Amino acid sequence: MSWILKRVGKNVRHYRRKKKLSQEKLAELANLHRTYIGQIETGKRNVALKNVAKLAKALGVSVKDLVV
């Protein structure tokens, strides 16, 4: 199970950096807390699907891009 958390976190970090966004700015765009973004990126948070969708929208990518 932890491999999927790490995969999502790695993908979120990749697309966030590609868009040149800070964790704080991504959190603002996705209506989430900055520490939550950090926990996702390090694979420490089991992110809900609705929040994966919020992150995908904020990053301008598909949910699939964040999960695969």
PDB file of N, CA and C in Angstrom:
ATOM      1  N   MET A   1       0.823  -1.207   0.000  1.00  0.00           N
ATOM      2  CA  MET A   1       0.000   0.000   0.000  1.00  0.00           C
ATOM      3  C   MET A   1       0.861   1.262   0.000  1.00  0.00           C
ATOM      4  N   SER A   2       1.979   1.228   0.705  1.00  0.00           N
ATOM      5  CA  SER A   2       2.779   2.449   0.795  1.00  0.00           C
ATOM      6  C   SER A   2       3.378   2.853  -0.557  1.00  0.00           C
ATOM      7  N   TRP A   3       3.545   1.893  -1.469  1.00  0.00           N
ATOM      8  CA  TRP A   3       4.110   2.233  -2.775  1.00  0.00           C
ATOM      9  C   TRP A   3       3.208   3.195  -3.541  1.00  0.00           C
ATOM     10  N   ILE A   4       1.908   3.038  -3.400  1.00  0.00           N
ATOM     11  CA  ILE A   4       0.991   3.931  -4.115  1.00  0.00           C
ATOM     12  C   ILE A   4       1.027   5.334  -3.510  1.00  0.00           C
ATOM     13  N   LEU A   5       1.188   5.422  -2.195  1.00  0.00           N
ATOM     14  CA  LEU A   5       1.290   6.732  -1.550  1.00  0.00           C
ATOM     15  C   LEU A   5       2.551   7.448  -2.014  1.00  0.00           C
ATOM     16  N   LYS A   6       3.632   6.693  -2.119  1.00  0.00           N
ATOM     17  CA  LYS A   6       4.893   7.281  -2.588  1.00  0.00           C
ATOM     18  C   LYS A   6       4.799   7.691  -4.056  1.00  0.00           C
ATOM     19  N   ARG A   7       4.123   6.883  -4.858  1.00  0.00           N
ATOM     20  CA  ARG A   7       3.956   7.195  -6.284  1.00  0.00           C
ATOM     21  C   ARG A   7       3.162   8.482  -6.455  1.00  0.00           C
ATOM     22  N   VAL A   8       2.036   8.594  -5.764  1.00  0.00           N
ATOM     23  CA  VAL A   8       1.215   9.809  -5.863  1.00  0.00           C
ATOM     24  C   VAL A   8       2.024  11.011  -5.393  1.00  0.00           C
ATOM     25  N   GLY A   9       2.714  10.862  -4.274  1.00  0.00           N
ATOM     26  CA  GLY A   9       3.528  11.961  -3.754  1.00  0.00           C
ATOM     27  C   GLY A   9       4.604  12.412  -4.724  1.00  0.00           C
ATOM     28  N   LYS A  10       5.278  11.449  -5.326  1.00  0.00           N
ATOM     29  CA  LYS A  10       6.323  11.755  -6.307  1.00  0.00           C
ATOM     30  C   LYS A  10       5.739  12.495  -7.503  1.00  0.00           C
ATOM     31  N   ASN A  11       4.575  12.058  -7.954  1.00  0.00           N
ATOM     32  CA  ASN A  11       3.930  12.700  -9.101  1.00  0.00           C
ATOM     33  C   ASN A  11       3.455  14.107  -8.774  1.00  0.00           C
ATOM     34  N   VAL A  12       2.868  14.284  -7.593  1.00  0.00           N
ATOM     35  CA  VAL A  12       2.430  15.626  -7.183  1.00  0.00           C
ATOM     36  C   VAL A  12       3.634  16.560  -7.150  1.00  0.00           C
ATOM     37  N   ARG A  13       4.733  16.126  -6.537  1.00  0.00           N
ATOM     38  CA  ARG A  13       5.940  16.954  -6.459  1.00  0.00           C
ATOM     39  C   ARG A  13       6.472  17.277  -7.866  1.00  0.00           C
ATOM     40  N   HIS A  14       6.501  16.279  -8.730  1.00  0.00           N
ATOM     41  CA  HIS A  14       6.995  16.482 -10.103  1.00  0.00           C
ATOM     42  C   HIS A  14       6.199  17.570 -10.819  1.00  0.00           C
ATOM     43  N   TYR A  15       4.884  17.438 -10.829  1.00  0.00           N
ATOM     44  CA  TYR A  15       4.058  18.411 -11.547  1.00  0.00           C
ATOM     45  C   TYR A  15       4.061  19.772 -10.863  1.00  0.00           C
ATOM     46  N   ARG A  16       4.144  19.791  -9.532  1.00  0.00           N
ATOM     47  CA  ARG A  16       4.213  21.074  -8.814  1.00  0.00           C
ATOM     48  C   ARG A  16       5.485  21.820  -9.204  1.00  0.00           C
ATOM     49  N   ARG A  17       6.598  21.103  -9.207  1.00  0.00           N
ATOM     50  CA  ARG A  17       7.868  21.740  -9.578  1.00  0.00           C
ATOM     51  C   ARG A  17       7.883  22.146 -11.049  1.00  0.00           C
ATOM     52  N   LYS A  18       7.290  21.305 -11.893  1.00  0.00           N
ATOM     53  CA  LYS A  18       7.212  21.621 -13.325  1.00  0.00           C
ATOM     54  C   LYS A  18       6.451  22.926 -13.547  1.00  0.00           C
ATOM     55  N   LYS A  19       5.414  23.167 -12.748  1.00  0.00           N
ATOM     56  CA  LYS A  19       4.612  24.397 -12.843  1.00  0.00           C
ATOM     57  C   LYS A  19       5.225  25.541 -12.043  1.00  0.00           C
ATOM     58  N   LYS A  20       6.370  25.244 -11.378  1.00  0.00           N
ATOM     59  CA  LYS A  20       7.077  26.245 -10.560  1.00  0.00           C
ATOM     60  C   LYS A  20       6.187  26.808  -9.453  1.00  0.00           C
ATOM     61  N   LEU A  21       5.487  25.897  -8.777  1.00  0.00           N
ATOM     62  CA  LEU A  21       4.616  26.273  -7.666  1.00  0.00           C
ATOM     63  C   LEU A  21       5.245  25.854  -6.349  1.00  0.00           C
ATOM     64  N   SER A  22       5.081  26.669  -5.341  1.00  0.00           N
ATOM     65  CA  SER A  22       5.481  26.271  -3.994  1.00  0.00           C
ATOM     66  C   SER A  22       4.386  25.362  -3.439  1.00  0.00           C
ATOM     67  N   GLN A  23       4.705  24.656  -2.372  1.00  0.00           N
ATOM     68  CA  GLN A  23       3.669  23.844  -1.717  1.00  0.00           C
ATOM     69  C   GLN A  23       2.543  24.743  -1.234  1.00  0.00           C
ATOM     70  N   GLU A  24       2.900  25.902  -0.747  1.00  0.00           N
ATOM     71  CA  GLU A  24       1.889  26.840  -0.248  1.00  0.00           C
ATOM     72  C   GLU A  24       0.948  27.291  -1.365  1.00  0.00           C
ATOM     73  N   LYS A  25       1.504  27.607  -2.536  1.00  0.00           N
ATOM     74  CA  LYS A  25       0.672  28.067  -3.654  1.00  0.00           C
ATOM     75  C   LYS A  25      -0.218  26.934  -4.165  1.00  0.00           C
ATOM     76  N   LEU A  26       0.335  25.725  -4.258  1.00  0.00           N
ATOM     77  CA  LEU A  26      -0.482  24.581  -4.680  1.00  0.00           C
ATOM     78  C   LEU A  26      -1.610  24.351  -3.689  1.00  0.00           C
ATOM     79  N   ALA A  27      -1.293  24.428  -2.406  1.00  0.00           N
ATOM     80  CA  ALA A  27      -2.322  24.244  -1.371  1.00  0.00           C
ATOM     81  C   ALA A  27      -3.440  25.269  -1.539  1.00  0.00           C
ATOM     82  N   GLU A  28      -3.064  26.502  -1.816  1.00  0.00           N
ATOM     83  CA  GLU A  28      -4.048  27.562  -2.020  1.00  0.00           C
ATOM     84  C   GLU A  28      -4.926  27.258  -3.240  1.00  0.00           C
ATOM     85  N   LEU A  29      -4.294  26.859  -4.341  1.00  0.00           N
ATOM     86  CA  LEU A  29      -5.040  26.566  -5.567  1.00  0.00           C
ATOM     87  C   LEU A  29      -5.974  25.368  -5.414  1.00  0.00           C
ATOM     88  N   ALA A  30      -5.555  24.393  -4.604  1.00  0.00           N
ATOM     89  CA  ALA A  30      -6.347  23.176  -4.423  1.00  0.00           C
ATOM     90  C   ALA A  30      -7.267  23.255  -3.204  1.00  0.00           C
ATOM     91  N   ASN A  31      -7.212  24.368  -2.494  1.00  0.00           N
ATOM     92  CA  ASN A  31      -8.012  24.543  -1.275  1.00  0.00           C
ATOM     93  C   ASN A  31      -7.697  23.458  -0.239  1.00  0.00           C
ATOM     94  N   LEU A  32      -6.389  23.243  -0.036  1.00  0.00           N
ATOM     95  CA  LEU A  32      -5.894  22.286   0.946  1.00  0.00           C
ATOM     96  C   LEU A  32      -4.853  22.987   1.811  1.00  0.00           C
ATOM     97  N   HIS A  33      -4.416  22.345   2.883  1.00  0.00           N
ATOM     98  CA  HIS A  33      -3.420  22.942   3.768  1.00  0.00           C
ATOM     99  C   HIS A  33      -2.016  22.601   3.284  1.00  0.00           C
ATOM    100  N   ARG A  34      -1.073  23.530   3.453  1.00  0.00           N
ATOM    101  CA  ARG A  34       0.294  23.327   2.987  1.00  0.00           C
ATOM    102  C   ARG A  34       0.951  22.100   3.617  1.00  0.00           C
ATOM    103  N   THR A  35       0.724  21.868   4.894  1.00  0.00           N
ATOM    104  CA  THR A  35       1.345  20.697   5.522  1.00  0.00           C
ATOM    105  C   THR A  35       0.780  19.398   4.956  1.00  0.00           C
ATOM    106  N   TYR A  36      -0.471  19.430   4.526  1.00  0.00           N
ATOM    107  CA  TYR A  36      -1.088  18.267   3.887  1.00  0.00           C
ATOM    108  C   TYR A  36      -0.376  17.956   2.571  1.00  0.00           C
ATOM    109  N   ILE A  37      -0.047  18.996   1.807  1.00  0.00           N
ATOM    110  CA  ILE A  37       0.688  18.815   0.548  1.00  0.00           C
ATOM    111  C   ILE A  37       2.042  18.175   0.840  1.00  0.00           C
ATOM    112  N   GLY A  38       2.732  18.673   1.847  1.00  0.00           N
ATOM    113  CA  GLY A  38       4.025  18.114   2.222  1.00  0.00           C
ATOM    114  C   GLY A  38       3.932  16.654   2.617  1.00  0.00           C
ATOM    115  N   GLN A  39       2.903  16.300   3.361  1.00  0.00           N
ATOM    116  CA  GLN A  39       2.713  14.911   3.772  1.00  0.00           C
ATOM    117  C   GLN A  39       2.385  14.019   2.581  1.00  0.00           C
ATOM    118  N   ILE A  40       1.647  14.531   1.624  1.00  0.00           N
ATOM    119  CA  ILE A  40       1.349  13.775   0.404  1.00  0.00           C
ATOM    120  C   ILE A  40       2.643  13.530  -0.364  1.00  0.00           C
ATOM    121  N   GLU A  41       3.423  14.581  -0.542  1.00  0.00           N
ATOM    122  CA  GLU A  41       4.646  14.477  -1.339  1.00  0.00           C
ATOM    123  C   GLU A  41       5.665  13.516  -0.726  1.00  0.00           C
ATOM    124  N   THR A  42       5.644  13.350   0.585  1.00  0.00           N
ATOM    125  CA  THR A  42       6.583  12.432   1.238  1.00  0.00           C
ATOM    126  C   THR A  42       5.986  11.043   1.434  1.00  0.00           C
ATOM    127  N   GLY A  43       4.766  10.829   0.950  1.00  0.00           N
ATOM    128  CA  GLY A  43       4.134   9.518   1.059  1.00  0.00           C
ATOM    129  C   GLY A  43       3.645   9.177   2.450  1.00  0.00           C
ATOM    130  N   LYS A  44       3.480  10.182   3.287  1.00  0.00           N
ATOM    131  CA  LYS A  44       3.051   9.960   4.669  1.00  0.00           C
ATOM    132  C   LYS A  44       1.549  10.118   4.877  1.00  0.00           C
ATOM    133  N   ARG A  45       0.848  10.551   3.849  1.00  0.00           N
ATOM    134  CA  ARG A  45      -0.585  10.818   3.975  1.00  0.00           C
ATOM    135  C   ARG A  45      -1.352   9.979   2.972  1.00  0.00           C
ATOM    136  N   ASN A  46      -2.376   9.304   3.432  1.00  0.00           N
ATOM    137  CA  ASN A  46      -3.263   8.549   2.560  1.00  0.00           C
ATOM    138  C   ASN A  46      -4.303   9.536   2.018  1.00  0.00           C
ATOM    139  N   VAL A  47      -4.023  10.048   0.855  1.00  0.00           N
ATOM    140  CA  VAL A  47      -4.831  11.129   0.286  1.00  0.00           C
ATOM    141  C   VAL A  47      -6.150  10.591  -0.265  1.00  0.00           C
ATOM    142  N   ALA A  48      -7.223  11.295   0.046  1.00  0.00           N
ATOM    143  CA  ALA A  48      -8.551  10.916  -0.434  1.00  0.00           C
ATOM    144  C   ALA A  48      -8.663  11.198  -1.934  1.00  0.00           C
ATOM    145  N   LEU A  49      -9.453  10.414  -2.628  1.00  0.00           N
ATOM    146  CA  LEU A  49      -9.630  10.593  -4.072  1.00  0.00           C
ATOM    147  C   LEU A  49     -10.137  11.984  -4.420  1.00  0.00           C
ATOM    148  N   LYS A  50     -11.021  12.526  -3.600  1.00  0.00           N
ATOM    149  CA  LYS A  50     -11.526  13.869  -3.889  1.00  0.00           C
ATOM    150  C   LYS A  50     -10.400  14.896  -3.826  1.00  0.00           C
ATOM    151  N   ASN A  51      -9.406  14.655  -2.971  1.00  0.00           N
ATOM    152  CA  ASN A  51      -8.277  15.567  -2.893  1.00  0.00           C
ATOM    153  C   ASN A  51      -7.287  15.340  -4.033  1.00  0.00           C
ATOM    154  N   VAL A  52      -7.178  14.112  -4.513  1.00  0.00           N
ATOM    155  CA  VAL A  52      -6.376  13.853  -5.707  1.00  0.00           C
ATOM    156  C   VAL A  52      -6.982  14.631  -6.876  1.00  0.00           C
ATOM    157  N   ALA A  53      -8.294  14.638  -6.969  1.00  0.00           N
ATOM    158  CA  ALA A  53      -8.975  15.385  -8.034  1.00  0.00           C
ATOM    159  C   ALA A  53      -8.720  16.885  -7.899  1.00  0.00           C
ATOM    160  N   LYS A  54      -8.746  17.411  -6.679  1.00  0.00           N
ATOM    161  CA  LYS A  54      -8.462  18.833  -6.454  1.00  0.00           C
ATOM    162  C   LYS A  54      -7.034  19.172  -6.877  1.00  0.00           C
ATOM    163  N   LEU A  55      -6.099  18.290  -6.513  1.00  0.00           N
ATOM    164  CA  LEU A  55      -4.701  18.517  -6.870  1.00  0.00           C
ATOM    165  C   LEU A  55      -4.503  18.465  -8.381  1.00  0.00           C
ATOM    166  N   ALA A  56      -5.132  17.491  -9.022  1.00  0.00           N
ATOM    167  CA  ALA A  56      -5.023  17.366 -10.475  1.00  0.00           C
ATOM    168  C   ALA A  56      -5.539  18.633 -11.158  1.00  0.00           C
ATOM    169  N   LYS A  57      -6.670  19.116 -10.721  1.00  0.00           N
ATOM    170  CA  LYS A  57      -7.242  20.336 -11.305  1.00  0.00           C
ATOM    171  C   LYS A  57      -6.307  21.524 -11.091  1.00  0.00           C
ATOM    172  N   ALA A  58      -5.781  21.657  -9.883  1.00  0.00           N
ATOM    173  CA  ALA A  58      -4.889  22.775  -9.569  1.00  0.00           C
ATOM    174  C   ALA A  58      -3.598  22.708 -10.391  1.00  0.00           C
ATOM    175  N   LEU A  59      -3.145  21.497 -10.696  1.00  0.00           N
ATOM    176  CA  LEU A  59      -1.908  21.312 -11.457  1.00  0.00           C
ATOM    177  C   LEU A  59      -2.140  21.272 -12.969  1.00  0.00           C
ATOM    178  N   GLY A  60      -3.400  21.211 -13.381  1.00  0.00           N
ATOM    179  CA  GLY A  60      -3.723  21.162 -14.801  1.00  0.00           C
ATOM    180  C   GLY A  60      -3.378  19.833 -15.448  1.00  0.00           C
ATOM    181  N   VAL A  61      -3.517  18.757 -14.662  1.00  0.00           N
ATOM    182  CA  VAL A  61      -3.244  17.408 -15.169  1.00  0.00           C
ATOM    183  C   VAL A  61      -4.447  16.516 -14.854  1.00  0.00           C
ATOM    184  N   SER A  62      -4.409  15.301 -15.352  1.00  0.00           N
ATOM    185  CA  SER A  62      -5.500  14.370 -15.058  1.00  0.00           C
ATOM    186  C   SER A  62      -5.207  13.625 -13.747  1.00  0.00           C
ATOM    187  N   VAL A  63      -6.241  13.060 -13.167  1.00  0.00           N
ATOM    188  CA  VAL A  63      -6.068  12.226 -11.981  1.00  0.00           C
ATOM    189  C   VAL A  63      -5.131  11.081 -12.316  1.00  0.00           C
ATOM    190  N   LYS A  64      -5.277  10.529 -13.500  1.00  0.00           N
ATOM    191  CA  LYS A  64      -4.415   9.427 -13.944  1.00  0.00           C
ATOM    192  C   LYS A  64      -2.946   9.818 -13.895  1.00  0.00           C
ATOM    193  N   ASP A  65      -2.631  11.057 -14.280  1.00  0.00           N
ATOM    194  CA  ASP A  65      -1.239  11.521 -14.241  1.00  0.00           C
ATOM    195  C   ASP A  65      -0.661  11.458 -12.826  1.00  0.00           C
ATOM    196  N   LEU A  66      -1.483  11.673 -11.834  1.00  0.00           N
ATOM    197  CA  LEU A  66      -0.998  11.660 -10.463  1.00  0.00           C
ATOM    198  C   LEU A  66      -0.934  10.264  -9.861  1.00  0.00           C
ATOM    199  N   VAL A  67      -1.732   9.358 -10.385  1.00  0.00           N
ATOM    200  CA  VAL A  67      -1.825   8.023  -9.784  1.00  0.00           C
ATOM    201  C   VAL A  67      -0.942   6.998 -10.489  1.00  0.00           C
ATOM    202  N   VAL A  68      -0.742   7.152 -11.775  1.00  0.00           N
ATOM    203  CA  VAL A  68       0.011   6.134 -12.551  1.00  0.00           C
ATOM    204  C   VAL A  68       1.487   6.467 -12.562  1.00  0.00           C
TER     205      VAL A  68
END
